[in-house]
Amino acid sequence: RAVCDHPRNIPDDVLAALPANGGVAMATFVPKFVLPAA
C-alpha cells in the first residue's frame, strides 16, 4: 500500500508484523494494485 495506495494492498505495519507470524505476502500484477495512475 505504501507504493500504490489501494485498499487491496498491505499496509506497512502489517508487512512489518509478518516476520513474527512467519507468513508470506505474494505480490500481485493487477495494474490498479501496483500502479497509482491505473
PDB file of all heavy atoms in Angstrom:
ATOM      1  N   ARG A   1       0.814  -1.205   0.000  1.00  0.00           N
ATOM      2  CA  ARG A   1       0.000   0.000   0.000  1.00  0.00           C
ATOM      3  C   ARG A   1       0.850   1.259   0.000  1.00  0.00           C
ATOM      4  O   ARG A   1       0.440   2.302  -0.530  1.00  0.00           O
ATOM      5  CB  ARG A   1      -0.959  -0.006   1.195  1.00  0.00           C
ATOM      6  CG  ARG A   1      -2.060   1.027   1.068  1.00  0.00           C
ATOM      7  CD  ARG A   1      -3.104   0.941   2.166  1.00  0.00           C
ATOM      8  NE  ARG A   1      -3.812  -0.339   2.173  1.00  0.00           N
ATOM      9  CZ  ARG A   1      -4.885  -0.564   2.929  1.00  0.00           C
ATOM     10  NH1 ARG A   1      -5.358   0.385   3.715  1.00  0.00           N
ATOM     11  NH2 ARG A   1      -5.468  -1.740   2.901  1.00  0.00           N
ATOM     12  N   ALA A   2       2.042   1.200   0.557  1.00  0.00           N
ATOM     13  CA  ALA A   2       2.908   2.381   0.576  1.00  0.00           C
ATOM     14  C   ALA A   2       3.376   2.757  -0.826  1.00  0.00           C
ATOM     15  O   ALA A   2       3.697   3.920  -1.086  1.00  0.00           O
ATOM     16  CB  ALA A   2       4.115   2.133   1.481  1.00  0.00           C
ATOM     17  N   VAL A   3       3.412   1.800  -1.736  1.00  0.00           N
ATOM     18  CA  VAL A   3       3.844   2.055  -3.113  1.00  0.00           C
ATOM     19  C   VAL A   3       2.653   2.421  -3.992  1.00  0.00           C
ATOM     20  O   VAL A   3       2.763   3.280  -4.880  1.00  0.00           O
ATOM     21  CB  VAL A   3       4.590   0.835  -3.680  1.00  0.00           C
ATOM     22  CG1 VAL A   3       5.055   1.087  -5.121  1.00  0.00           C
ATOM     23  CG2 VAL A   3       5.793   0.491  -2.799  1.00  0.00           C
ATOM     24  N   CYS A   4       1.509   1.786  -3.778  1.00  0.00           N
ATOM     25  CA  CYS A   4       0.275   2.094  -4.508  1.00  0.00           C
ATOM     26  C   CYS A   4      -0.862   2.066  -3.497  1.00  0.00           C
ATOM     27  O   CYS A   4      -1.212   1.003  -2.967  1.00  0.00           O
ATOM     28  CB  CYS A   4       0.030   1.092  -5.630  1.00  0.00           C
ATOM     29  SG  CYS A   4      -1.434   1.435  -6.626  1.00  0.00           S
ATOM     30  N   ASP A   5      -1.432   3.223  -3.226  1.00  0.00           N
ATOM     31  CA  ASP A   5      -2.392   3.375  -2.132  1.00  0.00           C
ATOM     32  C   ASP A   5      -3.778   2.891  -2.540  1.00  0.00           C
ATOM     33  O   ASP A   5      -4.697   3.664  -2.789  1.00  0.00           O
ATOM     34  CB  ASP A   5      -2.436   4.836  -1.689  1.00  0.00           C
ATOM     35  CG  ASP A   5      -3.237   5.033  -0.405  1.00  0.00           C
ATOM     36  OD1 ASP A   5      -3.531   4.019   0.263  1.00  0.00           O
ATOM     37  OD2 ASP A   5      -3.571   6.192  -0.078  1.00  0.00           O
ATOM     38  N   HIS A   6      -3.906   1.569  -2.610  1.00  0.00           N
ATOM     39  CA  HIS A   6      -5.184   0.924  -2.903  1.00  0.00           C
ATOM     40  C   HIS A   6      -5.548   0.050  -1.706  1.00  0.00           C
ATOM     41  O   HIS A   6      -4.674  -0.621  -1.137  1.00  0.00           O
ATOM     42  CB  HIS A   6      -5.071   0.076  -4.179  1.00  0.00           C
ATOM     43  CG  HIS A   6      -6.393  -0.381  -4.710  1.00  0.00           C
ATOM     44  ND1 HIS A   6      -7.139  -1.360  -4.087  1.00  0.00           N
ATOM     45  CD2 HIS A   6      -7.116   0.025  -5.795  1.00  0.00           C
ATOM     46  CE1 HIS A   6      -8.261  -1.557  -4.764  1.00  0.00           C
ATOM     47  NE2 HIS A   6      -8.274  -0.734  -5.809  1.00  0.00           N
ATOM     48  N   PRO A   7      -6.820   0.022  -1.294  1.00  0.00           N
ATOM     49  CA  PRO A   7      -7.184  -0.761  -0.099  1.00  0.00           C
ATOM     50  C   PRO A   7      -6.941  -2.246  -0.222  1.00  0.00           C
ATOM     51  O   PRO A   7      -6.913  -2.952   0.789  1.00  0.00           O
ATOM     52  CB  PRO A   7      -8.682  -0.450   0.087  1.00  0.00           C
ATOM     53  CG  PRO A   7      -9.152   0.086  -1.217  1.00  0.00           C
ATOM     54  CD  PRO A   7      -7.973   0.781  -1.811  1.00  0.00           C
ATOM     55  N   ARG A   8      -6.759  -2.753  -1.459  1.00  0.00           N
ATOM     56  CA  ARG A   8      -6.440  -4.175  -1.633  1.00  0.00           C
ATOM     57  C   ARG A   8      -5.001  -4.510  -1.264  1.00  0.00           C
ATOM     58  O   ARG A   8      -4.624  -5.677  -1.180  1.00  0.00           O
ATOM     59  CB  ARG A   8      -6.703  -4.582  -3.091  1.00  0.00           C
ATOM     60  CG  ARG A   8      -8.090  -5.089  -3.354  1.00  0.00           C
ATOM     61  CD  ARG A   8      -8.264  -6.516  -2.877  1.00  0.00           C
ATOM     62  NE  ARG A   8      -7.674  -7.446  -3.831  1.00  0.00           N
ATOM     63  CZ  ARG A   8      -6.549  -8.104  -3.667  1.00  0.00           C
ATOM     64  NH1 ARG A   8      -5.830  -7.942  -2.567  1.00  0.00           N
ATOM     65  NH2 ARG A   8      -6.102  -8.942  -4.586  1.00  0.00           N
ATOM     66  N   ASN A   9      -4.191  -3.498  -1.055  1.00  0.00           N
ATOM     67  CA  ASN A   9      -2.785  -3.727  -0.759  1.00  0.00           C
ATOM     68  C   ASN A   9      -2.523  -3.758   0.745  1.00  0.00           C
ATOM     69  O   ASN A   9      -3.392  -3.456   1.563  1.00  0.00           O
ATOM     70  CB  ASN A   9      -1.928  -2.669  -1.455  1.00  0.00           C
ATOM     71  CG  ASN A   9      -1.808  -2.922  -2.948  1.00  0.00           C
ATOM     72  OD1 ASN A   9      -1.920  -4.054  -3.405  1.00  0.00           O
ATOM     73  ND2 ASN A   9      -1.582  -1.863  -3.712  1.00  0.00           N
ATOM     74  N   ILE A  10      -1.298  -4.116   1.110  1.00  0.00           N
ATOM     75  CA  ILE A  10      -0.949  -4.391   2.506  1.00  0.00           C
ATOM     76  C   ILE A  10      -0.264  -3.176   3.126  1.00  0.00           C
ATOM     77  O   ILE A  10       0.764  -2.713   2.619  1.00  0.00           O
ATOM     78  CB  ILE A  10       0.007  -5.600   2.599  1.00  0.00           C
ATOM     79  CG1 ILE A  10      -0.501  -6.768   1.748  1.00  0.00           C
ATOM     80  CG2 ILE A  10       0.182  -6.032   4.054  1.00  0.00           C
ATOM     81  CD1 ILE A  10       0.531  -7.880   1.555  1.00  0.00           C
ATOM     82  N   PRO A  11      -0.809  -2.646   4.250  1.00  0.00           N
ATOM     83  CA  PRO A  11      -0.130  -1.532   4.937  1.00  0.00           C
ATOM     84  C   PRO A  11       1.214  -1.973   5.515  1.00  0.00           C
ATOM     85  O   PRO A  11       1.428  -3.158   5.805  1.00  0.00           O
ATOM     86  CB  PRO A  11      -1.108  -1.146   6.048  1.00  0.00           C
ATOM     87  CG  PRO A  11      -2.407  -1.795   5.699  1.00  0.00           C
ATOM     88  CD  PRO A  11      -2.071  -3.014   4.907  1.00  0.00           C
ATOM     89  N   ASP A  12       2.083  -0.997   5.717  1.00  0.00           N
ATOM     90  CA  ASP A  12       3.424  -1.320   6.209  1.00  0.00           C
ATOM     91  C   ASP A  12       3.413  -1.951   7.594  1.00  0.00           C
ATOM     92  O   ASP A  12       4.249  -2.809   7.892  1.00  0.00           O
ATOM     93  CB  ASP A  12       4.287  -0.049   6.226  1.00  0.00           C
ATOM     94  CG  ASP A  12       4.984   0.198   4.892  1.00  0.00           C
ATOM     95  OD1 ASP A  12       4.738  -0.578   3.941  1.00  0.00           O
ATOM     96  OD2 ASP A  12       5.760   1.172   4.801  1.00  0.00           O
ATOM     97  N   ASP A  13       2.492  -1.543   8.477  1.00  0.00           N
ATOM     98  CA  ASP A  13       2.500  -2.132   9.818  1.00  0.00           C
ATOM     99  C   ASP A  13       2.171  -3.617   9.764  1.00  0.00           C
ATOM    100  O   ASP A  13       2.678  -4.414  10.563  1.00  0.00           O
ATOM    101  CB  ASP A  13       1.535  -1.397  10.754  1.00  0.00           C
ATOM    102  CG  ASP A  13       0.075  -1.624  10.389  1.00  0.00           C
ATOM    103  OD1 ASP A  13      -0.350  -1.140   9.320  1.00  0.00           O
ATOM    104  OD2 ASP A  13      -0.652  -2.274  11.180  1.00  0.00           O
ATOM    105  N   VAL A  14       1.339  -4.018   8.777  1.00  0.00           N
ATOM    106  CA  VAL A  14       1.004  -5.433   8.629  1.00  0.00           C
ATOM    107  C   VAL A  14       2.185  -6.185   8.027  1.00  0.00           C
ATOM    108  O   VAL A  14       2.534  -7.291   8.477  1.00  0.00           O
ATOM    109  CB  VAL A  14      -0.265  -5.588   7.764  1.00  0.00           C
ATOM    110  CG1 VAL A  14      -0.556  -7.059   7.496  1.00  0.00           C
ATOM    111  CG2 VAL A  14      -1.454  -4.925   8.456  1.00  0.00           C
ATOM    112  N   LEU A  15       2.821  -5.594   7.016  1.00  0.00           N
ATOM    113  CA  LEU A  15       4.031  -6.216   6.466  1.00  0.00           C
ATOM    114  C   LEU A  15       5.085  -6.404   7.557  1.00  0.00           C
ATOM    115  O   LEU A  15       5.746  -7.448   7.625  1.00  0.00           O
ATOM    116  CB  LEU A  15       4.606  -5.348   5.342  1.00  0.00           C
ATOM    117  CG  LEU A  15       3.887  -5.396   3.991  1.00  0.00           C
ATOM    118  CD1 LEU A  15       4.446  -4.329   3.066  1.00  0.00           C
ATOM    119  CD2 LEU A  15       4.021  -6.775   3.346  1.00  0.00           C
ATOM    120  N   ALA A  16       5.243  -5.402   8.416  1.00  0.00           N
ATOM    121  CA  ALA A  16       6.257  -5.472   9.470  1.00  0.00           C
ATOM    122  C   ALA A  16       5.930  -6.551  10.497  1.00  0.00           C
ATOM    123  O   ALA A  16       6.831  -7.041  11.192  1.00  0.00           O
ATOM    124  CB  ALA A  16       6.393  -4.113  10.153  1.00  0.00           C
ATOM    125  N   ALA A  17       4.650  -6.940  10.601  1.00  0.00           N
ATOM    126  CA  ALA A  17       4.249  -7.971  11.561  1.00  0.00           C
ATOM    127  C   ALA A  17       4.439  -9.384  11.019  1.00  0.00           C
ATOM    128  O   ALA A  17       4.352 -10.353  11.784  1.00  0.00           O
ATOM    129  CB  ALA A  17       2.784  -7.762  11.957  1.00  0.00           C
ATOM    130  N   LEU A  18       4.682  -9.518   9.722  1.00  0.00           N
ATOM    131  CA  LEU A  18       4.789 -10.858   9.139  1.00  0.00           C
ATOM    132  C   LEU A  18       5.934 -11.696   9.703  1.00  0.00           C
ATOM    133  O   LEU A  18       5.772 -12.902   9.899  1.00  0.00           O
ATOM    134  CB  LEU A  18       4.915 -10.775   7.617  1.00  0.00           C
ATOM    135  CG  LEU A  18       3.608 -10.636   6.832  1.00  0.00           C
ATOM    136  CD1 LEU A  18       3.899 -10.617   5.338  1.00  0.00           C
ATOM    137  CD2 LEU A  18       2.636 -11.767   7.156  1.00  0.00           C
ATOM    138  N   PRO A  19       7.123 -11.123   9.965  1.00  0.00           N
ATOM    139  CA  PRO A  19       8.192 -11.986  10.490  1.00  0.00           C
ATOM    140  C   PRO A  19       7.821 -12.698  11.785  1.00  0.00           C
ATOM    141  O   PRO A  19       8.153 -13.881  11.956  1.00  0.00           O
ATOM    142  CB  PRO A  19       9.349 -10.993  10.696  1.00  0.00           C
ATOM    143  CG  PRO A  19       9.118  -9.946   9.657  1.00  0.00           C
ATOM    144  CD  PRO A  19       7.627  -9.782   9.620  1.00  0.00           C
ATOM    145  N   ALA A  20       7.119 -12.020  12.684  1.00  0.00           N
ATOM    146  CA  ALA A  20       6.738 -12.662  13.948  1.00  0.00           C
ATOM    147  C   ALA A  20       5.739 -13.784  13.710  1.00  0.00           C
ATOM    148  O   ALA A  20       5.718 -14.783  14.433  1.00  0.00           O
ATOM    149  CB  ALA A  20       6.156 -11.629  14.906  1.00  0.00           C
ATOM    150  N   ASN A  21       4.909 -13.636  12.686  1.00  0.00           N
ATOM    151  CA  ASN A  21       3.908 -14.646  12.369  1.00  0.00           C
ATOM    152  C   ASN A  21       4.478 -15.765  11.504  1.00  0.00           C
ATOM    153  O   ASN A  21       4.011 -16.903  11.561  1.00  0.00           O
ATOM    154  CB  ASN A  21       2.723 -13.968  11.659  1.00  0.00           C
ATOM    155  CG  ASN A  21       1.785 -14.949  10.995  1.00  0.00           C
ATOM    156  OD1 ASN A  21       1.914 -15.219   9.797  1.00  0.00           O
ATOM    157  ND2 ASN A  21       0.861 -15.513  11.765  1.00  0.00           N
ATOM    158  N   GLY A  22       5.478 -15.433  10.675  1.00  0.00           N
ATOM    159  CA  GLY A  22       6.044 -16.404   9.753  1.00  0.00           C
ATOM    160  C   GLY A  22       5.371 -16.452   8.401  1.00  0.00           C
ATOM    161  O   GLY A  22       5.696 -17.308   7.571  1.00  0.00           O
ATOM    162  N   GLY A  23       4.435 -15.534   8.144  1.00  0.00           N
ATOM    163  CA  GLY A  23       3.651 -15.578   6.927  1.00  0.00           C
ATOM    164  C   GLY A  23       4.377 -15.071   5.696  1.00  0.00           C
ATOM    165  O   GLY A  23       5.529 -14.636   5.751  1.00  0.00           O
ATOM    166  N   VAL A  24       3.668 -15.123   4.571  1.00  0.00           N
ATOM    167  CA  VAL A  24       4.226 -14.740   3.276  1.00  0.00           C
ATOM    168  C   VAL A  24       3.245 -13.830   2.550  1.00  0.00           C
ATOM    169  O   VAL A  24       2.045 -14.126   2.482  1.00  0.00           O
ATOM    170  CB  VAL A  24       4.517 -15.984   2.409  1.00  0.00           C
ATOM    171  CG1 VAL A  24       4.844 -15.589   0.972  1.00  0.00           C
ATOM    172  CG2 VAL A  24       5.674 -16.788   2.991  1.00  0.00           C
ATOM    173  N   ALA A  25       3.761 -12.723   2.004  1.00  0.00           N
ATOM    174  CA  ALA A  25       2.986 -11.805   1.183  1.00  0.00           C
ATOM    175  C   ALA A  25       3.407 -11.977  -0.268  1.00  0.00           C
ATOM    176  O   ALA A  25       4.578 -11.799  -0.603  1.00  0.00           O
ATOM    177  CB  ALA A  25       3.215 -10.361   1.633  1.00  0.00           C
ATOM    178  N   MET A  26       2.460 -12.325  -1.120  1.00  0.00           N
ATOM    179  CA  MET A  26       2.740 -12.646  -2.517  1.00  0.00           C
ATOM    180  C   MET A  26       2.275 -11.483  -3.393  1.00  0.00           C
ATOM    181  O   MET A  26       1.078 -11.231  -3.541  1.00  0.00           O
ATOM    182  CB  MET A  26       2.051 -13.956  -2.901  1.00  0.00           C
ATOM    183  CG  MET A  26       2.367 -15.088  -1.916  1.00  0.00           C
ATOM    184  SD  MET A  26       1.614 -16.681  -2.327  1.00  0.00           S
ATOM    185  CE  MET A  26       2.936 -17.435  -3.277  1.00  0.00           C
ATOM    186  N   ALA A  27       3.235 -10.770  -3.950  1.00  0.00           N
ATOM    187  CA  ALA A  27       2.943  -9.580  -4.748  1.00  0.00           C
ATOM    188  C   ALA A  27       2.161  -9.956  -5.999  1.00  0.00           C
ATOM    189  O   ALA A  27       2.451 -10.957  -6.655  1.00  0.00           O
ATOM    190  CB  ALA A  27       4.236  -8.863  -5.133  1.00  0.00           C
ATOM    191  N   THR A  28       1.177  -9.117  -6.332  1.00  0.00           N
ATOM    192  CA  THR A  28       0.336  -9.374  -7.493  1.00  0.00           C
ATOM    193  C   THR A  28       0.669  -8.430  -8.629  1.00  0.00           C
ATOM    194  O   THR A  28       1.430  -7.474  -8.471  1.00  0.00           O
ATOM    195  CB  THR A  28      -1.153  -9.284  -7.115  1.00  0.00           C
ATOM    196  OG1 THR A  28      -1.939  -9.869  -8.145  1.00  0.00           O
ATOM    197  CG2 THR A  28      -1.594  -7.850  -6.865  1.00  0.00           C
ATOM    198  N   PHE A  29       0.082  -8.692  -9.806  1.00  0.00           N
ATOM    199  CA  PHE A  29       0.410  -7.954 -11.019  1.00  0.00           C
ATOM    200  C   PHE A  29      -0.714  -7.034 -11.485  1.00  0.00           C
ATOM    201  O   PHE A  29      -0.528  -6.299 -12.445  1.00  0.00           O
ATOM    202  CB  PHE A  29       0.717  -8.926 -12.167  1.00  0.00           C
ATOM    203  CG  PHE A  29       1.890  -9.842 -11.949  1.00  0.00           C
ATOM    204  CD1 PHE A  29       2.095 -10.927 -12.787  1.00  0.00           C
ATOM    205  CD2 PHE A  29       2.790  -9.632 -10.909  1.00  0.00           C
ATOM    206  CE1 PHE A  29       3.180 -11.775 -12.615  1.00  0.00           C
ATOM    207  CE2 PHE A  29       3.869 -10.481 -10.723  1.00  0.00           C
ATOM    208  CZ  PHE A  29       4.065 -11.554 -11.573  1.00  0.00           C
ATOM    209  N   VAL A  30      -1.882  -7.066 -10.862  1.00  0.00           N
ATOM    210  CA  VAL A  30      -3.043  -6.301 -11.328  1.00  0.00           C
ATOM    211  C   VAL A  30      -2.684  -4.815 -11.378  1.00  0.00           C
ATOM    212  O   VAL A  30      -2.305  -4.235 -10.352  1.00  0.00           O
ATOM    213  CB  VAL A  30      -4.245  -6.531 -10.400  1.00  0.00           C
ATOM    214  CG1 VAL A  30      -5.459  -5.740 -10.888  1.00  0.00           C
ATOM    215  CG2 VAL A  30      -4.563  -8.022 -10.312  1.00  0.00           C
ATOM    216  N   PRO A  31      -2.781  -4.176 -12.556  1.00  0.00           N
ATOM    217  CA  PRO A  31      -2.290  -2.796 -12.680  1.00  0.00           C
ATOM    218  C   PRO A  31      -2.849  -1.824 -11.646  1.00  0.00           C
ATOM    219  O   PRO A  31      -2.106  -1.006 -11.103  1.00  0.00           O
ATOM    220  CB  PRO A  31      -2.695  -2.414 -14.106  1.00  0.00           C
ATOM    221  CG  PRO A  31      -2.623  -3.705 -14.853  1.00  0.00           C
ATOM    222  CD  PRO A  31      -3.139  -4.739 -13.885  1.00  0.00           C
ATOM    223  N   LYS A  32      -4.143  -1.897 -11.332  1.00  0.00           N
ATOM    224  CA  LYS A  32      -4.696  -0.926 -10.386  1.00  0.00           C
ATOM    225  C   LYS A  32      -4.195  -1.155  -8.962  1.00  0.00           C
ATOM    226  O   LYS A  32      -4.373  -0.285  -8.108  1.00  0.00           O
ATOM    227  CB  LYS A  32      -6.219  -0.956 -10.413  1.00  0.00           C
ATOM    228  CG  LYS A  32      -6.856  -2.228  -9.883  1.00  0.00           C
ATOM    229  CD  LYS A  32      -8.373  -2.131  -9.948  1.00  0.00           C
ATOM    230  CE  LYS A  32      -9.044  -3.423  -9.481  1.00  0.00           C
ATOM    231  NZ  LYS A  32     -10.509  -3.338  -9.534  1.00  0.00           N
ATOM    232  N   PHE A  33      -3.569  -2.307  -8.700  1.00  0.00           N
ATOM    233  CA  PHE A  33      -2.978  -2.565  -7.384  1.00  0.00           C
ATOM    234  C   PHE A  33      -1.492  -2.229  -7.337  1.00  0.00           C
ATOM    235  O   PHE A  33      -0.912  -2.185  -6.250  1.00  0.00           O
ATOM    236  CB  PHE A  33      -3.171  -4.017  -6.959  1.00  0.00           C
ATOM    237  CG  PHE A  33      -4.600  -4.487  -6.915  1.00  0.00           C
ATOM    238  CD1 PHE A  33      -4.911  -5.824  -7.094  1.00  0.00           C
ATOM    239  CD2 PHE A  33      -5.641  -3.595  -6.710  1.00  0.00           C
ATOM    240  CE1 PHE A  33      -6.222  -6.269  -7.063  1.00  0.00           C
ATOM    241  CE2 PHE A  33      -6.967  -4.022  -6.678  1.00  0.00           C
ATOM    242  CZ  PHE A  33      -7.256  -5.365  -6.852  1.00  0.00           C
ATOM    243  N   VAL A  34      -0.877  -2.030  -8.482  1.00  0.00           N
ATOM    244  CA  VAL A  34       0.573  -1.786  -8.481  1.00  0.00           C
ATOM    245  C   VAL A  34       0.959  -0.425  -9.045  1.00  0.00           C
ATOM    246  O   VAL A  34       2.046   0.082  -8.756  1.00  0.00           O
ATOM    247  CB  VAL A  34       1.346  -2.889  -9.247  1.00  0.00           C
ATOM    248  CG1 VAL A  34       1.161  -4.233  -8.549  1.00  0.00           C
ATOM    249  CG2 VAL A  34       0.942  -2.974 -10.709  1.00  0.00           C
ATOM    250  N   LEU A  35       0.079   0.207  -9.827  1.00  0.00           N
ATOM    251  CA  LEU A  35       0.409   1.469 -10.499  1.00  0.00           C
ATOM    252  C   LEU A  35      -0.608   2.525 -10.090  1.00  0.00           C
ATOM    253  O   LEU A  35      -1.780   2.438 -10.471  1.00  0.00           O
ATOM    254  CB  LEU A  35       0.381   1.264 -12.024  1.00  0.00           C
ATOM    255  CG  LEU A  35       0.825   2.440 -12.891  1.00  0.00           C
ATOM    256  CD1 LEU A  35       2.314   2.734 -12.681  1.00  0.00           C
ATOM    257  CD2 LEU A  35       0.540   2.132 -14.365  1.00  0.00           C
ATOM    258  N   PRO A  36      -0.202   3.541  -9.320  1.00  0.00           N
ATOM    259  CA  PRO A  36      -1.174   4.538  -8.844  1.00  0.00           C
ATOM    260  C   PRO A  36      -2.004   5.162  -9.960  1.00  0.00           C
ATOM    261  O   PRO A  36      -3.214   5.382  -9.785  1.00  0.00           O
ATOM    262  CB  PRO A  36      -0.281   5.571  -8.145  1.00  0.00           C
ATOM    263  CG  PRO A  36       0.890   4.783  -7.662  1.00  0.00           C
ATOM    264  CD  PRO A  36       1.133   3.748  -8.736  1.00  0.00           C
ATOM    265  N   ALA A  37      -1.386   5.432 -11.107  1.00  0.00           N
ATOM    266  CA  ALA A  37      -2.128   6.070 -12.200  1.00  0.00           C
ATOM    267  C   ALA A  37      -3.238   5.182 -12.739  1.00  0.00           C
ATOM    268  O   ALA A  37      -4.177   5.678 -13.384  1.00  0.00           O
ATOM    269  CB  ALA A  37      -1.160   6.427 -13.329  1.00  0.00           C
ATOM    270  N   ALA A  38      -3.154   3.882 -12.491  1.00  0.00           N
ATOM    271  CA  ALA A  38      -4.162   2.953 -13.016  1.00  0.00           C
ATOM    272  C   ALA A  38      -5.422   2.915 -12.161  1.00  0.00           C
ATOM    273  O   ALA A  38      -6.455   2.400 -12.604  1.00  0.00           O
ATOM    274  CB  ALA A  38      -3.573   1.550 -13.129  1.00  0.00           C
TER     275      ALA A  38
END
